[in-house]
Amino acid sequence: MRKMMSVVAVAMVMIALLSMAPEAVVREETPVVQWMTFEEAVEKSKTEKRKIFIDVYTDWCGWCKVMDKKTFNQPAVAKLLNEKFYPVKFNAEQREDVVFSGTTFKFIEYGGRGTHQLAAALLNNKLSYPTVVFLDEDFKMLLPLQGYREAPEFHKIAQFIGENHYKKQKMQDWEAQYQSPF
């Protein structure tokens, strides 16, 4: 009788675990990018210097959504962004002002839409989405990278910058020692 109750108890626990949403089980173990606002990244960098990674996107950009789903959701990419950068999501069409380094950046309306001045500054007025931007610890531009990137290619670039290899050698030379997690 006890053995049967134990089997029933184990079966009930298994059913409960299997009925949980798969996302709940995966998310506890799988790293996700801890996105922050530009202002939050600037504030955090006052206490702990770190490079800043900015995903400049728009709500209507299809490739931005694909990059969110297929690139940034990869555990190796999320882990790298969280550990080496302050990862920022920045909507190029956001309407809220951003004050940075004594300058107030605003949304400028034109046509049916508009663009935020900070997005234009980050993208050197080349408004193409998605574009990701890497800034050093002093907020100096390291690299704006236009277009969709799959996880393996993106990881290589982010690791090259995040681990400061760019300070010592050319990417072509460094690639020989890069070990892809994919």
N, C-alpha and C. Protein backbone atom coordinates (compact mmCIF):
# COMPACT_ATOMS: atom_id res chain seq x y z
N MET A 1 0.82 -1.18 0.00
CA MET A 1 0.00 0.00 0.00
C MET A 1 0.87 1.26 0.00
N ARG A 2 1.93 1.28 0.87
CA ARG A 2 2.83 2.44 0.91
C ARG A 2 3.55 2.62 -0.41
N LYS A 3 3.97 1.50 -1.00
CA LYS A 3 4.67 1.58 -2.27
C LYS A 3 3.77 2.18 -3.33
N MET A 4 2.50 1.82 -3.33
CA MET A 4 1.55 2.34 -4.30
C MET A 4 1.34 3.83 -4.07
N MET A 5 1.28 4.27 -2.81
CA MET A 5 1.11 5.70 -2.49
C MET A 5 2.33 6.48 -2.95
N SER A 6 3.54 5.89 -2.80
CA SER A 6 4.76 6.56 -3.25
C SER A 6 4.77 6.72 -4.75
N VAL A 7 4.35 5.68 -5.46
CA VAL A 7 4.28 5.74 -6.92
C VAL A 7 3.28 6.81 -7.35
N VAL A 8 2.13 6.86 -6.68
CA VAL A 8 1.12 7.87 -6.99
C VAL A 8 1.66 9.27 -6.72
N ALA A 9 2.36 9.45 -5.61
CA ALA A 9 2.93 10.77 -5.26
C ALA A 9 3.95 11.21 -6.30
N VAL A 10 4.82 10.30 -6.71
CA VAL A 10 5.82 10.62 -7.73
C VAL A 10 5.13 10.97 -9.05
N ALA A 11 4.12 10.20 -9.41
CA ALA A 11 3.39 10.47 -10.64
C ALA A 11 2.73 11.84 -10.60
N MET A 12 2.17 12.23 -9.46
CA MET A 12 1.52 13.53 -9.33
C MET A 12 2.54 14.66 -9.47
N VAL A 13 3.72 14.49 -8.90
CA VAL A 13 4.77 15.50 -9.02
C VAL A 13 5.20 15.62 -10.48
N MET A 14 5.38 14.49 -11.15
CA MET A 14 5.78 14.51 -12.56
C MET A 14 4.73 15.20 -13.42
N ILE A 15 3.46 14.92 -13.17
CA ILE A 15 2.38 15.56 -13.93
C ILE A 15 2.39 17.06 -13.68
N ALA A 16 2.61 17.45 -12.45
CA ALA A 16 2.65 18.88 -12.12
C ALA A 16 3.81 19.57 -12.85
N LEU A 17 4.99 18.92 -12.86
CA LEU A 17 6.14 19.49 -13.55
C LEU A 17 5.92 19.59 -15.05
N LEU A 18 5.35 18.54 -15.62
CA LEU A 18 5.11 18.53 -17.06
C LEU A 18 4.04 19.52 -17.48
N SER A 19 3.12 19.83 -16.59
CA SER A 19 2.04 20.75 -16.95
C SER A 19 2.46 22.21 -16.83
N MET A 20 3.64 22.45 -16.23
CA MET A 20 4.12 23.83 -16.13
C MET A 20 4.41 24.35 -17.52
N ALA A 21 4.27 25.65 -17.70
CA ALA A 21 4.59 26.26 -18.99
C ALA A 21 6.05 25.99 -19.30
N PRO A 22 6.35 25.54 -20.52
CA PRO A 22 7.74 25.24 -20.85
C PRO A 22 8.65 26.45 -20.65
N GLU A 23 8.13 27.66 -20.88
CA GLU A 23 8.93 28.87 -20.72
C GLU A 23 9.39 29.02 -19.28
N ALA A 24 8.54 28.66 -18.32
CA ALA A 24 8.88 28.81 -16.91
C ALA A 24 10.06 27.91 -16.56
N VAL A 25 10.08 26.71 -17.10
CA VAL A 25 11.16 25.79 -16.81
C VAL A 25 12.45 26.26 -17.48
N VAL A 26 12.37 26.67 -18.74
CA VAL A 26 13.56 27.06 -19.49
C VAL A 26 14.12 28.37 -18.97
N ARG A 27 13.31 29.35 -18.69
CA ARG A 27 13.78 30.68 -18.30
C ARG A 27 14.57 30.67 -17.00
N GLU A 28 14.27 29.77 -16.09
CA GLU A 28 15.00 29.73 -14.84
C GLU A 28 16.46 29.33 -15.06
N GLU A 29 16.73 28.55 -16.09
CA GLU A 29 18.07 28.04 -16.33
C GLU A 29 18.77 28.73 -17.49
N THR A 30 18.03 29.34 -18.38
CA THR A 30 18.58 29.95 -19.58
C THR A 30 18.74 31.45 -19.37
N PRO A 31 19.96 31.98 -19.60
CA PRO A 31 20.13 33.42 -19.44
C PRO A 31 19.35 34.19 -20.50
N VAL A 32 18.80 35.30 -20.10
CA VAL A 32 18.14 36.23 -21.03
C VAL A 32 18.83 37.58 -20.86
N VAL A 33 18.81 38.36 -21.91
CA VAL A 33 19.44 39.67 -21.84
C VAL A 33 18.69 40.53 -20.84
N GLN A 34 19.42 41.14 -19.94
CA GLN A 34 18.84 42.04 -18.93
C GLN A 34 18.86 43.46 -19.49
N TRP A 35 17.91 43.73 -20.38
CA TRP A 35 17.86 45.03 -21.06
C TRP A 35 17.61 46.15 -20.06
N MET A 36 18.17 47.30 -20.35
CA MET A 36 17.94 48.50 -19.54
C MET A 36 17.78 49.69 -20.47
N THR A 37 17.37 50.80 -19.90
CA THR A 37 17.27 52.03 -20.68
C THR A 37 18.66 52.65 -20.80
N PHE A 38 18.79 53.58 -21.71
CA PHE A 38 20.05 54.28 -21.87
C PHE A 38 20.43 54.99 -20.58
N GLU A 39 19.45 55.64 -19.97
CA GLU A 39 19.69 56.36 -18.72
C GLU A 39 20.16 55.42 -17.60
N GLU A 40 19.56 54.24 -17.52
CA GLU A 40 19.97 53.26 -16.50
C GLU A 40 21.41 52.81 -16.73
N ALA A 41 21.78 52.59 -17.98
CA ALA A 41 23.15 52.18 -18.30
C ALA A 41 24.15 53.27 -17.93
N VAL A 42 23.82 54.51 -18.23
CA VAL A 42 24.70 55.62 -17.88
C VAL A 42 24.86 55.70 -16.36
N GLU A 43 23.76 55.55 -15.65
CA GLU A 43 23.79 55.62 -14.19
C GLU A 43 24.63 54.47 -13.60
N LYS A 44 24.44 53.26 -14.11
CA LYS A 44 25.21 52.11 -13.61
C LYS A 44 26.70 52.28 -13.88
N SER A 45 27.02 52.90 -15.01
CA SER A 45 28.43 53.06 -15.35
C SER A 45 29.15 54.04 -14.43
N LYS A 46 28.40 54.80 -13.66
CA LYS A 46 29.03 55.71 -12.69
C LYS A 46 29.66 54.94 -11.54
N THR A 47 29.10 53.78 -11.21
CA THR A 47 29.62 52.98 -10.11
C THR A 47 30.48 51.81 -10.59
N GLU A 48 30.20 51.28 -11.77
CA GLU A 48 31.00 50.18 -12.33
C GLU A 48 31.15 50.41 -13.83
N LYS A 49 32.35 50.76 -14.25
CA LYS A 49 32.60 51.02 -15.67
C LYS A 49 32.44 49.73 -16.46
N ARG A 50 31.76 49.88 -17.57
CA ARG A 50 31.54 48.75 -18.47
C ARG A 50 31.17 49.31 -19.83
N LYS A 51 31.47 48.58 -20.87
CA LYS A 51 31.04 49.02 -22.20
C LYS A 51 29.51 49.00 -22.27
N ILE A 52 28.98 49.75 -23.21
CA ILE A 52 27.53 49.79 -23.40
C ILE A 52 27.21 49.26 -24.79
N PHE A 53 26.26 48.35 -24.83
CA PHE A 53 25.76 47.81 -26.09
C PHE A 53 24.35 48.35 -26.27
N ILE A 54 24.06 48.93 -27.44
CA ILE A 54 22.74 49.51 -27.68
C ILE A 54 22.12 48.88 -28.92
N ASP A 55 20.95 48.31 -28.73
CA ASP A 55 20.15 47.80 -29.85
C ASP A 55 19.20 48.92 -30.23
N VAL A 56 19.46 49.57 -31.37
CA VAL A 56 18.60 50.65 -31.85
C VAL A 56 17.58 50.01 -32.80
N TYR A 57 16.32 50.13 -32.44
CA TYR A 57 15.26 49.44 -33.17
C TYR A 57 14.05 50.36 -33.35
N THR A 58 13.08 49.88 -34.10
CA THR A 58 11.76 50.51 -34.17
C THR A 58 10.71 49.42 -34.01
N ASP A 59 9.52 49.83 -33.62
CA ASP A 59 8.44 48.86 -33.42
C ASP A 59 8.01 48.20 -34.73
N TRP A 60 8.15 48.90 -35.85
CA TRP A 60 7.68 48.37 -37.13
C TRP A 60 8.74 47.54 -37.87
N CYS A 61 9.95 47.47 -37.35
CA CYS A 61 11.06 46.80 -38.02
C CYS A 61 10.98 45.28 -37.86
N GLY A 62 10.71 44.60 -38.95
CA GLY A 62 10.60 43.13 -38.92
C GLY A 62 11.91 42.45 -38.57
N TRP A 63 13.03 42.91 -39.15
CA TRP A 63 14.32 42.30 -38.88
C TRP A 63 14.76 42.54 -37.44
N CYS A 64 14.31 43.63 -36.84
CA CYS A 64 14.61 43.87 -35.42
C CYS A 64 13.97 42.78 -34.57
N LYS A 65 12.75 42.42 -34.92
CA LYS A 65 12.03 41.38 -34.18
C LYS A 65 12.70 40.01 -34.38
N VAL A 66 13.16 39.76 -35.59
CA VAL A 66 13.85 38.50 -35.86
C VAL A 66 15.15 38.44 -35.05
N MET A 67 15.86 39.55 -34.98
CA MET A 67 17.11 39.58 -34.21
C MET A 67 16.85 39.36 -32.73
N ASP A 68 15.75 39.95 -32.22
CA ASP A 68 15.37 39.71 -30.83
C ASP A 68 15.16 38.22 -30.58
N LYS A 69 14.43 37.60 -31.49
CA LYS A 69 14.03 36.21 -31.31
C LYS A 69 15.17 35.23 -31.56
N LYS A 70 15.93 35.45 -32.63
CA LYS A 70 16.92 34.45 -33.03
C LYS A 70 18.35 34.73 -32.58
N THR A 71 18.67 35.97 -32.29
CA THR A 71 20.04 36.31 -31.90
C THR A 71 20.14 36.58 -30.41
N PHE A 72 19.39 37.58 -29.94
CA PHE A 72 19.50 37.97 -28.54
C PHE A 72 18.95 36.93 -27.57
N ASN A 73 18.10 36.04 -28.05
CA ASN A 73 17.56 34.98 -27.19
C ASN A 73 18.48 33.77 -27.06
N GLN A 74 19.57 33.76 -27.80
CA GLN A 74 20.52 32.66 -27.68
C GLN A 74 21.26 32.78 -26.34
N PRO A 75 21.30 31.72 -25.54
CA PRO A 75 21.93 31.80 -24.22
C PRO A 75 23.36 32.33 -24.23
N ALA A 76 24.18 31.91 -25.19
CA ALA A 76 25.57 32.38 -25.23
C ALA A 76 25.65 33.88 -25.50
N VAL A 77 24.77 34.38 -26.34
CA VAL A 77 24.73 35.81 -26.64
C VAL A 77 24.23 36.58 -25.42
N ALA A 78 23.16 36.11 -24.81
CA ALA A 78 22.60 36.79 -23.63
C ALA A 78 23.63 36.85 -22.51
N LYS A 79 24.31 35.76 -22.27
CA LYS A 79 25.33 35.70 -21.20
C LYS A 79 26.45 36.71 -21.47
N LEU A 80 26.93 36.74 -22.70
CA LEU A 80 28.00 37.66 -23.07
C LEU A 80 27.56 39.12 -22.91
N LEU A 81 26.37 39.45 -23.39
CA LEU A 81 25.89 40.83 -23.27
C LEU A 81 25.72 41.23 -21.81
N ASN A 82 25.20 40.34 -20.99
CA ASN A 82 24.98 40.65 -19.57
C ASN A 82 26.29 40.81 -18.80
N GLU A 83 27.29 40.02 -19.16
CA GLU A 83 28.55 40.03 -18.40
C GLU A 83 29.53 41.11 -18.84
N LYS A 84 29.55 41.44 -20.11
CA LYS A 84 30.57 42.35 -20.63
C LYS A 84 30.06 43.76 -20.93
N PHE A 85 28.75 43.93 -20.96
CA PHE A 85 28.17 45.21 -21.37
C PHE A 85 27.02 45.59 -20.45
N TYR A 86 26.60 46.83 -20.56
CA TYR A 86 25.28 47.23 -20.09
C TYR A 86 24.43 47.22 -21.35
N PRO A 87 23.56 46.23 -21.51
CA PRO A 87 22.77 46.12 -22.74
C PRO A 87 21.54 47.04 -22.71
N VAL A 88 21.41 47.84 -23.74
CA VAL A 88 20.35 48.85 -23.83
C VAL A 88 19.48 48.56 -25.04
N LYS A 89 18.17 48.68 -24.83
CA LYS A 89 17.19 48.66 -25.92
C LYS A 89 16.78 50.11 -26.13
N PHE A 90 16.96 50.62 -27.34
CA PHE A 90 16.60 52.02 -27.59
C PHE A 90 15.71 52.11 -28.82
N ASN A 91 14.47 52.53 -28.59
CA ASN A 91 13.51 52.72 -29.68
C ASN A 91 13.84 54.03 -30.38
N ALA A 92 14.22 53.95 -31.65
CA ALA A 92 14.62 55.13 -32.41
C ALA A 92 13.47 56.12 -32.60
N GLU A 93 12.25 55.70 -32.27
CA GLU A 93 11.10 56.58 -32.41
C GLU A 93 10.46 56.91 -31.06
N GLN A 94 11.20 56.70 -29.98
CA GLN A 94 10.63 57.02 -28.67
C GLN A 94 10.44 58.53 -28.56
N ARG A 95 9.43 58.95 -27.83
CA ARG A 95 9.10 60.37 -27.73
C ARG A 95 9.65 61.04 -26.47
N GLU A 96 10.16 60.26 -25.53
CA GLU A 96 10.68 60.82 -24.28
C GLU A 96 12.06 61.42 -24.51
N ASP A 97 12.31 62.57 -23.90
CA ASP A 97 13.63 63.20 -23.96
C ASP A 97 14.65 62.34 -23.23
N VAL A 98 15.89 62.43 -23.67
CA VAL A 98 17.01 61.78 -23.00
C VAL A 98 18.07 62.85 -22.78
N VAL A 99 18.47 63.01 -21.54
CA VAL A 99 19.53 63.96 -21.21
C VAL A 99 20.81 63.16 -21.02
N PHE A 100 21.82 63.54 -21.80
CA PHE A 100 23.10 62.85 -21.71
C PHE A 100 24.23 63.84 -21.93
N SER A 101 25.16 63.84 -21.01
CA SER A 101 26.36 64.66 -21.11
C SER A 101 26.02 66.14 -21.38
N GLY A 102 25.01 66.63 -20.67
CA GLY A 102 24.63 68.03 -20.76
C GLY A 102 23.77 68.39 -21.96
N THR A 103 23.41 67.43 -22.77
CA THR A 103 22.59 67.68 -23.96
C THR A 103 21.26 66.96 -23.80
N THR A 104 20.18 67.65 -24.16
CA THR A 104 18.86 67.03 -24.17
C THR A 104 18.53 66.60 -25.60
N PHE A 105 18.37 65.30 -25.77
CA PHE A 105 18.01 64.73 -27.07
C PHE A 105 16.50 64.55 -27.11
N LYS A 106 15.89 64.97 -28.21
CA LYS A 106 14.43 64.98 -28.32
C LYS A 106 13.97 64.16 -29.53
N PHE A 107 12.69 63.90 -29.52
CA PHE A 107 12.04 63.27 -30.67
C PHE A 107 11.72 64.38 -31.67
N ILE A 108 12.08 64.16 -32.91
CA ILE A 108 11.79 65.12 -33.97
C ILE A 108 10.78 64.49 -34.91
N GLU A 109 9.62 65.10 -34.97
CA GLU A 109 8.54 64.56 -35.81
C GLU A 109 8.69 65.04 -37.25
N TYR A 110 8.48 64.14 -38.18
CA TYR A 110 8.42 64.49 -39.60
C TYR A 110 7.63 63.41 -40.31
N GLY A 111 6.94 63.80 -41.34
CA GLY A 111 6.09 62.85 -42.04
C GLY A 111 5.07 62.27 -41.09
N GLY A 112 4.80 61.02 -41.18
CA GLY A 112 3.87 60.35 -40.27
C GLY A 112 4.56 59.83 -39.03
N ARG A 113 5.86 59.91 -39.04
CA ARG A 113 6.65 59.36 -37.92
C ARG A 113 7.60 60.40 -37.39
N GLY A 114 8.82 59.98 -37.15
CA GLY A 114 9.87 60.85 -36.65
C GLY A 114 11.02 60.01 -36.14
N THR A 115 12.03 60.70 -35.65
CA THR A 115 13.22 60.02 -35.14
C THR A 115 13.71 60.73 -33.89
N HIS A 116 14.22 59.94 -32.98
CA HIS A 116 14.80 60.52 -31.78
C HIS A 116 16.22 61.00 -32.12
N GLN A 117 16.58 62.17 -31.62
CA GLN A 117 17.89 62.73 -31.91
C GLN A 117 19.03 61.84 -31.41
N LEU A 118 18.83 61.14 -30.29
CA LEU A 118 19.88 60.26 -29.79
C LEU A 118 20.11 59.10 -30.76
N ALA A 119 19.05 58.56 -31.32
CA ALA A 119 19.20 57.49 -32.31
C ALA A 119 19.98 58.00 -33.51
N ALA A 120 19.64 59.17 -33.99
CA ALA A 120 20.35 59.75 -35.14
C ALA A 120 21.83 59.95 -34.81
N ALA A 121 22.12 60.41 -33.59
CA ALA A 121 23.51 60.62 -33.19
C ALA A 121 24.25 59.29 -33.10
N LEU A 122 23.62 58.28 -32.51
CA LEU A 122 24.26 56.97 -32.36
C LEU A 122 24.51 56.31 -33.72
N LEU A 123 23.63 56.58 -34.67
CA LEU A 123 23.74 55.93 -35.98
C LEU A 123 24.42 56.82 -37.02
N ASN A 124 25.04 57.91 -36.56
CA ASN A 124 25.71 58.84 -37.48
C ASN A 124 24.79 59.29 -38.61
N ASN A 125 23.51 59.51 -38.25
CA ASN A 125 22.47 59.95 -39.19
C ASN A 125 22.20 58.95 -40.31
N LYS A 126 22.63 57.71 -40.16
CA LYS A 126 22.33 56.65 -41.13
C LYS A 126 21.26 55.78 -40.49
N LEU A 127 20.02 56.18 -40.65
CA LEU A 127 18.90 55.54 -39.96
C LEU A 127 18.52 54.24 -40.64
N SER A 128 19.10 53.17 -40.17
CA SER A 128 18.87 51.84 -40.71
C SER A 128 18.62 50.92 -39.52
N TYR A 129 17.61 50.08 -39.64
CA TYR A 129 17.23 49.22 -38.52
C TYR A 129 17.16 47.77 -38.97
N PRO A 130 17.65 46.87 -38.12
CA PRO A 130 18.30 47.12 -36.85
C PRO A 130 19.73 47.62 -37.05
N THR A 131 20.19 48.41 -36.12
CA THR A 131 21.60 48.76 -36.00
C THR A 131 21.95 48.60 -34.53
N VAL A 132 23.06 47.96 -34.27
CA VAL A 132 23.55 47.84 -32.90
C VAL A 132 24.79 48.72 -32.79
N VAL A 133 24.97 49.26 -31.59
CA VAL A 133 26.06 50.19 -31.36
C VAL A 133 26.84 49.74 -30.13
N PHE A 134 28.15 49.74 -30.26
CA PHE A 134 29.03 49.42 -29.14
C PHE A 134 29.74 50.71 -28.72
N LEU A 135 29.61 51.05 -27.43
CA LEU A 135 30.31 52.21 -26.86
C LEU A 135 31.32 51.71 -25.84
N ASP A 136 32.45 52.41 -25.73
CA ASP A 136 33.41 52.02 -24.70
C ASP A 136 32.97 52.54 -23.34
N GLU A 137 33.79 52.33 -22.34
CA GLU A 137 33.44 52.70 -20.96
C GLU A 137 33.29 54.21 -20.77
N ASP A 138 33.83 54.99 -21.71
CA ASP A 138 33.72 56.45 -21.64
C ASP A 138 32.70 56.98 -22.65
N PHE A 139 31.84 56.10 -23.13
CA PHE A 139 30.76 56.43 -24.06
C PHE A 139 31.24 56.86 -25.44
N LYS A 140 32.44 56.46 -25.81
CA LYS A 140 32.95 56.75 -27.14
C LYS A 140 32.53 55.62 -28.07
N MET A 141 32.16 55.99 -29.29
CA MET A 141 31.71 55.03 -30.28
C MET A 141 32.84 54.08 -30.67
N LEU A 142 32.56 52.79 -30.54
CA LEU A 142 33.49 51.77 -31.02
C LEU A 142 33.06 51.26 -32.38
N LEU A 143 31.75 50.96 -32.48
CA LEU A 143 31.27 50.36 -33.72
C LEU A 143 29.76 50.44 -33.82
N PRO A 144 29.25 51.09 -34.88
CA PRO A 144 27.84 50.91 -35.21
C PRO A 144 27.77 49.79 -36.25
N LEU A 145 26.90 48.83 -36.05
CA LEU A 145 26.83 47.67 -36.94
C LEU A 145 25.41 47.57 -37.48
N GLN A 146 25.27 47.88 -38.77
CA GLN A 146 23.94 47.88 -39.39
C GLN A 146 23.53 46.49 -39.84
N GLY A 147 22.22 46.25 -39.76
CA GLY A 147 21.65 45.05 -40.33
C GLY A 147 21.54 43.88 -39.37
N TYR A 148 20.72 42.95 -39.80
CA TYR A 148 20.47 41.73 -39.04
C TYR A 148 21.73 40.87 -38.98
N ARG A 149 22.02 40.33 -37.80
CA ARG A 149 23.15 39.42 -37.61
C ARG A 149 22.65 38.16 -36.92
N GLU A 150 23.02 37.03 -37.45
CA GLU A 150 22.67 35.77 -36.79
C GLU A 150 23.57 35.60 -35.57
N ALA A 151 23.12 34.76 -34.65
CA ALA A 151 23.80 34.60 -33.37
C ALA A 151 25.29 34.26 -33.48
N PRO A 152 25.71 33.31 -34.33
CA PRO A 152 27.14 33.00 -34.39
C PRO A 152 28.01 34.20 -34.79
N GLU A 153 27.58 34.93 -35.80
CA GLU A 153 28.34 36.10 -36.24
C GLU A 153 28.32 37.20 -35.18
N PHE A 154 27.14 37.44 -34.61
CA PHE A 154 27.02 38.48 -33.60
C PHE A 154 27.88 38.17 -32.37
N HIS A 155 27.84 36.93 -31.92
CA HIS A 155 28.60 36.53 -30.74
C HIS A 155 30.09 36.80 -30.95
N LYS A 156 30.60 36.46 -32.13
CA LYS A 156 32.01 36.67 -32.41
C LYS A 156 32.37 38.16 -32.31
N ILE A 157 31.57 39.02 -32.89
CA ILE A 157 31.83 40.46 -32.86
C ILE A 157 31.73 40.99 -31.43
N ALA A 158 30.69 40.58 -30.71
CA ALA A 158 30.49 41.07 -29.34
C ALA A 158 31.61 40.59 -28.42
N GLN A 159 32.09 39.38 -28.61
CA GLN A 159 33.19 38.89 -27.77
C GLN A 159 34.48 39.63 -28.11
N PHE A 160 34.72 39.88 -29.37
CA PHE A 160 35.91 40.61 -29.80
C PHE A 160 35.97 41.99 -29.12
N ILE A 161 34.83 42.65 -29.06
CA ILE A 161 34.76 43.97 -28.42
C ILE A 161 34.67 43.84 -26.90
N GLY A 162 33.81 42.98 -26.42
CA GLY A 162 33.57 42.86 -24.98
C GLY A 162 34.79 42.44 -24.18
N GLU A 163 35.64 41.63 -24.77
CA GLU A 163 36.85 41.16 -24.08
C GLU A 163 38.09 41.96 -24.46
N ASN A 164 37.89 43.11 -25.09
CA ASN A 164 38.97 44.06 -25.42
C ASN A 164 40.00 43.54 -26.41
N HIS A 165 39.68 42.52 -27.18
CA HIS A 165 40.62 42.03 -28.18
C HIS A 165 40.90 43.10 -29.24
N TYR A 166 39.93 43.96 -29.48
CA TYR A 166 40.07 45.02 -30.48
C TYR A 166 41.21 45.98 -30.13
N LYS A 167 41.61 46.03 -28.87
CA LYS A 167 42.68 46.93 -28.44
C LYS A 167 44.05 46.38 -28.80
N LYS A 168 44.14 45.05 -29.02
CA LYS A 168 45.43 44.41 -29.21
C LYS A 168 45.69 43.90 -30.63
N GLN A 169 44.62 43.57 -31.34
CA GLN A 169 44.81 42.97 -32.65
C GLN A 169 43.62 43.20 -33.56
N LYS A 170 43.85 42.94 -34.83
CA LYS A 170 42.78 43.05 -35.82
C LYS A 170 41.88 41.82 -35.68
N MET A 171 40.62 42.02 -36.03
CA MET A 171 39.66 40.92 -35.89
C MET A 171 40.08 39.71 -36.74
N GLN A 172 40.59 39.95 -37.93
CA GLN A 172 41.00 38.84 -38.79
C GLN A 172 42.06 37.98 -38.10
N ASP A 173 42.97 38.59 -37.38
CA ASP A 173 44.00 37.84 -36.66
C ASP A 173 43.42 37.11 -35.45
N TRP A 174 42.51 37.75 -34.75
CA TRP A 174 41.91 37.18 -33.55
C TRP A 174 40.98 36.00 -33.87
N GLU A 175 40.33 36.04 -35.03
CA GLU A 175 39.36 35.00 -35.39
C GLU A 175 39.94 33.59 -35.33
N ALA A 176 41.23 33.45 -35.57
CA ALA A 176 41.86 32.12 -35.54
C ALA A 176 41.79 31.49 -34.16
N GLN A 177 41.77 32.29 -33.11
CA GLN A 177 41.71 31.74 -31.75
C GLN A 177 40.30 31.74 -31.17
N TYR A 178 39.36 32.35 -31.85
CA TYR A 178 37.97 32.40 -31.37
C TYR A 178 37.35 31.01 -31.38
N GLN A 179 36.69 30.67 -30.27
CA GLN A 179 35.99 29.39 -30.19
C GLN A 179 34.50 29.67 -30.06
N SER A 180 33.78 29.34 -31.08
CA SER A 180 32.34 29.60 -31.11
C SER A 180 31.58 28.66 -30.19
N PRO A 181 30.61 29.18 -29.46
CA PRO A 181 29.75 28.31 -28.65
C PRO A 181 28.62 27.69 -29.47
N PHE A 182 28.60 27.96 -30.77
CA PHE A 182 27.51 27.46 -31.63
C PHE A 182 27.97 26.29 -32.47
